[in-house]
Amino acid sequence: WHGMAWHGMAWHGMAWHGMAWHGMAWHGMAWHGMAWHGMAWHGMAWHGMAWH
């Protein structure tokens, strides 16, 4: 039983590590998206200046 519990903890740790890795990838995507959005916003501002 104790061995099973330990194995369960190890499995849970693996799942948590997988979640953390996925979270890191998602965070990276979000950061990249923010940078892209920032570029688009800057482009809009530049276009607005040109229009004005």
PDB file of N, CA and C in Angstrom:
ATOM      1  N   TRP A   1       0.845  -1.195   0.000  1.00  0.00           N
ATOM      2  CA  TRP A   1       0.000   0.000   0.000  1.00  0.00           C
ATOM      3  C   TRP A   1       0.878   1.241   0.000  1.00  0.00           C
ATOM      4  N   HIS A   2       1.868   1.231   0.862  1.00  0.00           N
ATOM      5  CA  HIS A   2       2.752   2.392   0.923  1.00  0.00           C
ATOM      6  C   HIS A   2       3.472   2.549  -0.417  1.00  0.00           C
ATOM      7  N   GLY A   3       3.865   1.397  -0.977  1.00  0.00           N
ATOM      8  CA  GLY A   3       4.534   1.435  -2.278  1.00  0.00           C
ATOM      9  C   GLY A   3       3.591   1.978  -3.341  1.00  0.00           C
ATOM     10  N   MET A   4       2.338   1.579  -3.279  1.00  0.00           N
ATOM     11  CA  MET A   4       1.358   2.051  -4.248  1.00  0.00           C
ATOM     12  C   MET A   4       1.173   3.560  -4.116  1.00  0.00           C
ATOM     13  N   ALA A   5       1.103   4.028  -2.871  1.00  0.00           N
ATOM     14  CA  ALA A   5       0.919   5.457  -2.637  1.00  0.00           C
ATOM     15  C   ALA A   5       2.115   6.229  -3.206  1.00  0.00           C
ATOM     16  N   TRP A   6       3.317   5.693  -2.996  1.00  0.00           N
ATOM     17  CA  TRP A   6       4.527   6.357  -3.484  1.00  0.00           C
ATOM     18  C   TRP A   6       4.502   6.412  -5.008  1.00  0.00           C
ATOM     19  N   HIS A   7       4.091   5.262  -5.612  1.00  0.00           N
ATOM     20  CA  HIS A   7       4.011   5.188  -7.066  1.00  0.00           C
ATOM     21  C   HIS A   7       2.985   6.209  -7.571  1.00  0.00           C
ATOM     22  N   GLY A   8       1.873   6.318  -6.828  1.00  0.00           N
ATOM     23  CA  GLY A   8       0.844   7.291  -7.193  1.00  0.00           C
ATOM     24  C   GLY A   8       1.392   8.707  -7.120  1.00  0.00           C
ATOM     25  N   MET A   9       2.196   8.979  -6.109  1.00  0.00           N
ATOM     26  CA  MET A   9       2.787  10.310  -5.957  1.00  0.00           C
ATOM     27  C   MET A   9       3.725  10.598  -7.121  1.00  0.00           C
ATOM     28  N   ALA A  10       4.507   9.577  -7.508  1.00  0.00           N
ATOM     29  CA  ALA A  10       5.441   9.740  -8.614  1.00  0.00           C
ATOM     30  C   ALA A  10       4.667  10.020  -9.906  1.00  0.00           C
ATOM     31  N   TRP A  11       3.568   9.282 -10.098  1.00  0.00           N
ATOM     32  CA  TRP A  11       2.742   9.460 -11.293  1.00  0.00           C
ATOM     33  C   TRP A  11       2.151  10.870 -11.311  1.00  0.00           C
ATOM     34  N   HIS A  12       1.677  11.298 -10.139  1.00  0.00           N
ATOM     35  CA  HIS A  12       1.101  12.626 -10.015  1.00  0.00           C
ATOM     36  C   HIS A  12       2.173  13.676 -10.305  1.00  0.00           C
ATOM     37  N   GLY A  13       3.393  13.420  -9.819  1.00  0.00           N
ATOM     38  CA  GLY A  13       4.499  14.337 -10.075  1.00  0.00           C
ATOM     39  C   GLY A  13       4.782  14.439 -11.568  1.00  0.00           C
ATOM     40  N   MET A  14       4.723  13.303 -12.268  1.00  0.00           N
ATOM     41  CA  MET A  14       4.949  13.295 -13.709  1.00  0.00           C
ATOM     42  C   MET A  14       3.862  14.106 -14.412  1.00  0.00           C
ATOM     43  N   ALA A  15       2.609  13.911 -13.975  1.00  0.00           N
ATOM     44  CA  ALA A  15       1.493  14.633 -14.571  1.00  0.00           C
ATOM     45  C   ALA A  15       1.651  16.132 -14.327  1.00  0.00           C
ATOM     46  N   TRP A  16       2.062  16.483 -13.100  1.00  0.00           N
ATOM     47  CA  TRP A  16       2.247  17.883 -12.748  1.00  0.00           C
ATOM     48  C   TRP A  16       3.352  18.489 -13.597  1.00  0.00           C
ATOM     49  N   HIS A  17       4.432  17.722 -13.795  1.00  0.00           N
ATOM     50  CA  HIS A  17       5.556  18.200 -14.597  1.00  0.00           C
ATOM     51  C   HIS A  17       5.088  18.418 -16.036  1.00  0.00           C
ATOM     52  N   GLY A  18       4.247  17.493 -16.517  1.00  0.00           N
ATOM     53  CA  GLY A  18       3.709  17.637 -17.865  1.00  0.00           C
ATOM     54  C   GLY A  18       2.851  18.891 -17.972  1.00  0.00           C
ATOM     55  N   MET A  19       2.042  19.145 -16.944  1.00  0.00           N
ATOM     56  CA  MET A  19       1.200  20.336 -16.925  1.00  0.00           C
ATOM     57  C   MET A  19       2.064  21.592 -16.904  1.00  0.00           C
ATOM     58  N   ALA A  20       3.137  21.547 -16.107  1.00  0.00           N
ATOM     59  CA  ALA A  20       4.026  22.700 -16.000  1.00  0.00           C
ATOM     60  C   ALA A  20       4.682  22.966 -17.352  1.00  0.00           C
ATOM     61  N   TRP A  21       5.085  21.891 -18.041  1.00  0.00           N
ATOM     62  CA  TRP A  21       5.738  22.039 -19.350  1.00  0.00           C
ATOM     63  C   TRP A  21       4.743  22.647 -20.343  1.00  0.00           C
ATOM     64  N   HIS A  22       3.502  22.135 -20.314  1.00  0.00           N
ATOM     65  CA  HIS A  22       2.465  22.642 -21.203  1.00  0.00           C
ATOM     66  C   HIS A  22       2.198  24.113 -20.880  1.00  0.00           C
ATOM     67  N   GLY A  23       2.189  24.421 -19.580  1.00  0.00           N
ATOM     68  CA  GLY A  23       1.969  25.804 -19.151  1.00  0.00           C
ATOM     69  C   GLY A  23       3.087  26.709 -19.655  1.00  0.00           C
ATOM     70  N   MET A  24       4.318  26.213 -19.630  1.00  0.00           N
ATOM     71  CA  MET A  24       5.454  26.999 -20.108  1.00  0.00           C
ATOM     72  C   MET A  24       5.300  27.275 -21.599  1.00  0.00           C
ATOM     73  N   ALA A  25       4.879  26.240 -22.347  1.00  0.00           N
ATOM     74  CA  ALA A  25       4.706  26.389 -23.786  1.00  0.00           C
ATOM     75  C   ALA A  25       3.587  27.393 -24.069  1.00  0.00           C
ATOM     76  N   TRP A  26       2.485  27.293 -23.302  1.00  0.00           N
ATOM     77  CA  TRP A  26       1.355  28.193 -23.476  1.00  0.00           C
ATOM     78  C   TRP A  26       1.761  29.618 -23.155  1.00  0.00           C
ATOM     79  N   HIS A  27       2.551  29.766 -22.061  1.00  0.00           N
ATOM     80  CA  HIS A  27       3.007  31.090 -21.652  1.00  0.00           C
ATOM     81  C   HIS A  27       3.893  31.675 -22.749  1.00  0.00           C
ATOM     82  N   GLY A  28       4.739  30.825 -23.339  1.00  0.00           N
ATOM     83  CA  GLY A  28       5.601  31.278 -24.427  1.00  0.00           C
ATOM     84  C   GLY A  28       4.761  31.746 -25.611  1.00  0.00           C
ATOM     85  N   MET A  29       3.705  30.992 -25.928  1.00  0.00           N
ATOM     86  CA  MET A  29       2.823  31.360 -27.025  1.00  0.00           C
ATOM     87  C   MET A  29       2.139  32.684 -26.719  1.00  0.00           C
ATOM     88  N   ALA A  30       1.696  32.840 -25.476  1.00  0.00           N
ATOM     89  CA  ALA A  30       1.005  34.063 -25.072  1.00  0.00           C
ATOM     90  C   ALA A  30       1.960  35.253 -25.172  1.00  0.00           C
ATOM     91  N   TRP A  31       3.209  35.054 -24.728  1.00  0.00           N
ATOM     92  CA  TRP A  31       4.190  36.133 -24.773  1.00  0.00           C
ATOM     93  C   TRP A  31       4.447  36.522 -26.222  1.00  0.00           C
ATOM     94  N   HIS A  32       4.576  35.515 -27.098  1.00  0.00           N
ATOM     95  CA  HIS A  32       4.821  35.765 -28.513  1.00  0.00           C
ATOM     96  C   HIS A  32       3.614  36.494 -29.114  1.00  0.00           C
ATOM     97  N   GLY A  33       2.415  36.058 -28.705  1.00  0.00           N
ATOM     98  CA  GLY A  33       1.196  36.703 -29.188  1.00  0.00           C
ATOM     99  C   GLY A  33       1.124  38.152 -28.724  1.00  0.00           C
ATOM    100  N   MET A  34       1.552  38.412 -27.490  1.00  0.00           N
ATOM    101  CA  MET A  34       1.545  39.774 -26.961  1.00  0.00           C
ATOM    102  C   MET A  34       2.497  40.651 -27.774  1.00  0.00           C
ATOM    103  N   ALA A  35       3.661  40.106 -28.102  1.00  0.00           N
ATOM    104  CA  ALA A  35       4.644  40.857 -28.877  1.00  0.00           C
ATOM    105  C   ALA A  35       4.077  41.160 -30.263  1.00  0.00           C
ATOM    106  N   TRP A  36       3.419  40.153 -30.867  1.00  0.00           N
ATOM    107  CA  TRP A  36       2.838  40.331 -32.198  1.00  0.00           C
ATOM    108  C   TRP A  36       1.716  41.369 -32.147  1.00  0.00           C
ATOM    109  N   HIS A  37       0.895  41.283 -31.088  1.00  0.00           N
ATOM    110  CA  HIS A  37      -0.207  42.220 -30.916  1.00  0.00           C
ATOM    111  C   HIS A  37       0.353  43.624 -30.711  1.00  0.00           C
ATOM    112  N   GLY A  38       1.450  43.716 -29.938  1.00  0.00           N
ATOM    113  CA  GLY A  38       2.090  45.012 -29.704  1.00  0.00           C
ATOM    114  C   GLY A  38       2.581  45.597 -31.025  1.00  0.00           C
ATOM    115  N   MET A  39       3.142  44.746 -31.894  1.00  0.00           N
ATOM    116  CA  MET A  39       3.619  45.204 -33.198  1.00  0.00           C
ATOM    117  C   MET A  39       2.446  45.703 -34.032  1.00  0.00           C
ATOM    118  N   ALA A  40       1.331  44.957 -33.994  1.00  0.00           N
ATOM    119  CA  ALA A  40       0.150  45.332 -34.767  1.00  0.00           C
ATOM    120  C   ALA A  40      -0.398  46.661 -34.262  1.00  0.00           C
ATOM    121  N   TRP A  41      -0.429  46.844 -32.930  1.00  0.00           N
ATOM    122  CA  TRP A  41      -0.925  48.075 -32.339  1.00  0.00           C
ATOM    123  C   TRP A  41      -0.043  49.237 -32.761  1.00  0.00           C
ATOM    124  N   HIS A  42       1.264  49.011 -32.750  1.00  0.00           N
ATOM    125  CA  HIS A  42       2.211  50.055 -33.135  1.00  0.00           C
ATOM    126  C   HIS A  42       1.996  50.399 -34.614  1.00  0.00           C
ATOM    127  N   GLY A  43       1.751  49.361 -35.422  1.00  0.00           N
ATOM    128  CA  GLY A  43       1.488  49.579 -36.842  1.00  0.00           C
ATOM    129  C   GLY A  43       0.212  50.388 -37.041  1.00  0.00           C
ATOM    130  N   MET A  44      -0.810  50.112 -36.236  1.00  0.00           N
ATOM    131  CA  MET A  44      -2.063  50.853 -36.319  1.00  0.00           C
ATOM    132  C   MET A  44      -1.821  52.315 -35.964  1.00  0.00           C
ATOM    133  N   ALA A  45      -1.034  52.546 -34.917  1.00  0.00           N
ATOM    134  CA  ALA A  45      -0.743  53.910 -34.491  1.00  0.00           C
ATOM    135  C   ALA A  45       0.010  54.641 -35.606  1.00  0.00           C
ATOM    136  N   TRP A  46       0.961  53.950 -36.230  1.00  0.00           N
ATOM    137  CA  TRP A  46       1.749  54.553 -37.309  1.00  0.00           C
ATOM    138  C   TRP A  46       0.829  54.884 -38.484  1.00  0.00           C
ATOM    139  N   HIS A  47      -0.078  53.935 -38.797  1.00  0.00           N
ATOM    140  CA  HIS A  47      -1.018  54.133 -39.889  1.00  0.00           C
ATOM    141  C   HIS A  47      -1.940  55.311 -39.560  1.00  0.00           C
ATOM    142  N   GLY A  48      -2.355  55.390 -38.278  1.00  0.00           N
ATOM    143  CA  GLY A  48      -3.218  56.488 -37.845  1.00  0.00           C
ATOM    144  C   GLY A  48      -2.502  57.823 -38.018  1.00  0.00           C
ATOM    145  N   MET A  49      -1.219  57.863 -37.715  1.00  0.00           N
ATOM    146  CA  MET A  49      -0.437  59.090 -37.859  1.00  0.00           C
ATOM    147  C   MET A  49      -0.356  59.478 -39.329  1.00  0.00           C
ATOM    148  N   ALA A  50      -0.148  58.480 -40.181  1.00  0.00           N
ATOM    149  CA  ALA A  50      -0.029  58.735 -41.613  1.00  0.00           C
ATOM    150  C   ALA A  50      -1.364  59.237 -42.161  1.00  0.00           C
ATOM    151  N   TRP A  51      -2.460  58.640 -41.666  1.00  0.00           N
ATOM    152  CA  TRP A  51      -3.789  59.040 -42.119  1.00  0.00           C
ATOM    153  C   TRP A  51      -4.074  60.461 -41.671  1.00  0.00           C
ATOM    154  N   HIS A  52      -3.705  60.750 -40.427  1.00  0.00           N
ATOM    155  CA  HIS A  52      -3.925  62.058 -39.858  1.00  0.00           C
ATOM    156  C   HIS A  52      -3.017  63.059 -40.603  1.00  0.00           C
TER     157      HIS A  52
END
